[in-house]
Amino acid sequence: MPIPDSRFPIPAVHLSYGLPRAGLPAAASFRRWAEAALRGAKRRRPAELSIRLVDAEEGRELNRAYRGKDYATNVLSFPAELPPGVKLPLIGDLAICAPVVAREAAEQGKPARHHWAHLTVHGVLHLLGYDHIVEAEAEAMEALETRILAGLGIADPYTLPQDV
């Protein structure tokens, strides 16, 4: 659990479900992971975001509508686009596809909870403007994710477990 630090306001994280909650991380976990991402990115202003946990059908519909890709992906980020002069703490919305997260965690041989944490951190960083299209930016974003996750006791998500 991160140590409280008055320099970093606790974010408002709104969670909604497009599928049954059974087997999904608790709302407190998503808040903790989002807070770790905001601290890691050194955001000192208040932040508010929504996270929607979706099934494969909704994930596919969202990915098709917003990215033109006809499959469910792990996380989609929708940064807030506020009108000029509007000063709200909204940073945006995330949609995380539970079946894709579960499948990827199993394929990568990592605990599902760690993958949920990674994708939450990854998505929050996208909301803050981080990206991975250009290689140099991808390296910087991955290094930041790795550092944030290490602070949560989670191994480097970009290093797959080795067979022993």
Protein backbone atom coordinates (compact mmCIF):
# COMPACT_ATOMS: atom_id res chain seq x y z
CA MET A 1 0.00 0.00 0.00
CA PRO A 2 1.46 3.39 -0.94
CA ILE A 3 2.33 5.64 1.98
CA PRO A 4 0.00 8.67 2.13
CA ASP A 5 1.68 11.76 0.72
CA SER A 6 -0.14 15.08 0.78
CA ARG A 7 1.72 16.18 -2.38
CA PHE A 8 -0.31 13.62 -4.35
CA PRO A 9 -4.08 13.91 -3.96
CA ILE A 10 -5.99 10.62 -3.86
CA PRO A 11 -7.67 10.21 -7.25
CA ALA A 12 -11.40 9.78 -7.68
CA VAL A 13 -11.81 6.47 -9.50
CA HIS A 14 -15.29 5.49 -10.67
CA LEU A 15 -15.69 1.82 -11.49
CA SER A 16 -18.51 0.30 -13.54
CA TYR A 17 -19.14 -3.24 -14.68
CA GLY A 18 -20.33 -4.59 -18.00
CA LEU A 19 -20.07 -8.17 -16.75
CA PRO A 20 -20.47 -10.09 -13.46
CA ARG A 21 -18.04 -8.99 -10.73
CA ALA A 22 -17.08 -12.52 -9.65
CA GLY A 23 -13.33 -13.07 -9.93
CA LEU A 24 -12.51 -9.44 -10.70
CA PRO A 25 -10.22 -7.32 -8.51
CA ALA A 26 -11.88 -5.14 -5.88
CA ALA A 27 -12.56 -1.47 -6.51
CA ALA A 28 -9.91 -0.61 -3.88
CA SER A 29 -7.28 -2.38 -6.01
CA PHE A 30 -8.11 -0.29 -9.07
CA ARG A 31 -7.90 2.88 -6.96
CA ARG A 32 -4.52 1.81 -5.58
CA TRP A 33 -3.15 1.02 -9.04
CA ALA A 34 -4.45 4.31 -10.52
CA GLU A 35 -2.97 6.25 -7.59
CA ALA A 36 0.40 4.51 -8.09
CA ALA A 37 0.37 5.48 -11.78
CA LEU A 38 -0.46 9.10 -11.00
CA ARG A 39 2.29 9.28 -8.37
CA GLY A 40 4.76 7.58 -10.70
CA ALA A 41 3.98 10.16 -13.36
CA LYS A 42 4.39 12.85 -10.66
CA ARG A 43 0.90 14.25 -11.16
CA ARG A 44 0.31 16.52 -8.20
CA ARG A 45 -3.06 17.91 -9.29
CA PRO A 46 -6.36 16.21 -8.43
CA ALA A 47 -7.41 13.53 -10.90
CA GLU A 48 -10.70 11.84 -11.67
CA LEU A 49 -11.21 8.91 -14.01
CA SER A 50 -13.68 6.17 -14.81
CA ILE A 51 -12.81 2.53 -15.35
CA ARG A 52 -15.32 0.22 -17.01
CA LEU A 53 -14.72 -3.51 -16.88
CA VAL A 54 -16.17 -5.11 -19.99
CA ASP A 55 -16.81 -8.50 -21.53
CA ALA A 56 -15.41 -9.57 -24.91
CA GLU A 57 -18.46 -8.38 -26.85
CA GLU A 58 -18.39 -4.84 -25.43
CA GLY A 59 -14.60 -4.75 -25.73
CA ARG A 60 -14.84 -5.70 -29.39
CA GLU A 61 -17.57 -3.11 -30.06
CA LEU A 62 -15.52 -0.35 -28.43
CA ASN A 63 -12.32 -1.30 -30.25
CA ARG A 64 -14.16 -1.43 -33.57
CA ALA A 65 -15.94 1.90 -33.01
CA TYR A 66 -12.93 3.87 -31.76
CA ARG A 67 -9.92 2.19 -33.35
CA GLY A 68 -11.40 0.42 -36.39
CA LYS A 69 -10.12 -2.96 -35.14
CA ASP A 70 -12.61 -5.83 -35.05
CA TYR A 71 -11.45 -7.65 -31.91
CA ALA A 72 -11.47 -7.14 -28.17
CA THR A 73 -8.25 -5.67 -26.82
CA ASN A 74 -6.99 -5.57 -23.23
CA VAL A 75 -7.35 -1.85 -22.41
CA LEU A 76 -8.70 1.17 -24.23
CA SER A 77 -7.93 4.70 -23.05
CA PHE A 78 -10.13 7.69 -23.72
CA PRO A 79 -8.39 10.88 -22.54
CA ALA A 80 -10.75 13.68 -21.46
CA GLU A 81 -11.17 16.42 -24.04
CA LEU A 82 -12.39 19.38 -22.03
CA PRO A 83 -13.35 22.66 -23.67
CA PRO A 84 -10.83 25.50 -23.32
CA GLY A 85 -11.12 27.23 -19.98
CA VAL A 86 -12.86 24.33 -18.23
CA LYS A 87 -10.82 23.40 -15.17
CA LEU A 88 -11.96 19.98 -13.98
CA PRO A 89 -9.81 17.14 -12.65
CA LEU A 90 -11.15 14.72 -15.29
CA ILE A 91 -8.36 12.85 -17.05
CA GLY A 92 -10.54 10.35 -18.94
CA ASP A 93 -11.94 6.85 -19.10
CA LEU A 94 -10.55 3.34 -19.38
CA ALA A 95 -12.27 0.21 -20.67
CA ILE A 96 -10.55 -3.00 -19.58
CA CYS A 97 -11.68 -6.30 -21.13
CA ALA A 98 -11.75 -8.98 -18.43
CA PRO A 99 -11.61 -12.06 -20.70
CA VAL A 100 -8.63 -10.64 -22.61
CA VAL A 101 -6.82 -9.84 -19.35
CA ALA A 102 -7.41 -13.40 -18.08
CA ARG A 103 -6.27 -14.98 -21.36
CA GLU A 104 -3.13 -12.84 -21.64
CA ALA A 105 -2.14 -13.48 -18.01
CA ALA A 106 -2.45 -17.24 -18.58
CA GLU A 107 -0.53 -17.08 -21.88
CA GLN A 108 2.24 -15.01 -20.28
CA GLY A 109 2.43 -17.16 -17.15
CA LYS A 110 1.83 -14.29 -14.74
CA PRO A 111 -0.71 -13.81 -11.95
CA ALA A 112 -3.93 -12.29 -13.28
CA ARG A 113 -3.86 -9.69 -10.49
CA HIS A 114 -0.44 -8.48 -11.70
CA HIS A 115 -1.73 -8.18 -15.26
CA TRP A 116 -4.78 -6.22 -14.06
CA ALA A 117 -2.43 -3.86 -12.19
CA HIS A 118 -0.20 -3.47 -15.24
CA LEU A 119 -3.05 -2.67 -17.61
CA THR A 120 -4.56 -0.18 -15.16
CA VAL A 121 -1.21 1.60 -14.79
CA HIS A 122 -0.67 1.43 -18.57
CA GLY A 123 -4.12 2.90 -19.25
CA VAL A 124 -3.74 5.71 -16.71
CA LEU A 125 -0.41 6.68 -18.25
CA HIS A 126 -2.13 6.88 -21.65
CA LEU A 127 -4.72 9.21 -20.09
CA LEU A 128 -1.82 11.43 -18.99
CA GLY A 129 -0.42 11.59 -22.52
CA TYR A 130 2.16 8.80 -22.50
CA ASP A 131 2.30 6.69 -25.66
CA HIS A 132 4.22 3.84 -27.25
CA ILE A 133 3.93 4.44 -30.98
CA VAL A 134 7.46 5.88 -31.34
CA GLU A 135 10.17 3.52 -30.03
CA ALA A 136 11.83 6.09 -27.75
CA GLU A 137 8.47 6.97 -26.17
CA ALA A 138 7.63 3.27 -25.82
CA GLU A 139 10.89 2.65 -23.96
CA ALA A 140 10.25 5.59 -21.62
CA MET A 141 6.66 4.49 -20.96
CA GLU A 142 7.68 0.87 -20.34
CA ALA A 143 10.44 1.96 -17.95
CA LEU A 144 7.97 4.11 -16.02
CA GLU A 145 5.41 1.27 -15.89
CA THR A 146 8.08 -1.13 -14.65
CA ARG A 147 9.16 1.32 -11.93
CA ILE A 148 5.55 1.94 -10.80
CA LEU A 149 4.75 -1.78 -10.73
CA ALA A 150 7.96 -2.54 -8.81
CA GLY A 151 6.72 -0.12 -6.16
CA LEU A 152 3.61 -2.30 -5.94
CA GLY A 153 5.71 -5.47 -5.60
CA ILE A 154 5.04 -6.60 -9.17
CA ALA A 155 7.78 -7.91 -11.46
CA ASP A 156 8.67 -6.31 -14.80
CA PRO A 157 5.65 -7.02 -17.03
CA TYR A 158 7.79 -6.95 -20.15
CA THR A 159 9.95 -9.85 -19.02
CA LEU A 160 8.12 -13.13 -19.44
CA PRO A 161 8.77 -15.81 -16.81
CA GLN A 162 11.51 -18.24 -17.83
CA ASP A 163 11.04 -22.00 -17.69
CA VAL A 164 13.03 -23.44 -14.82
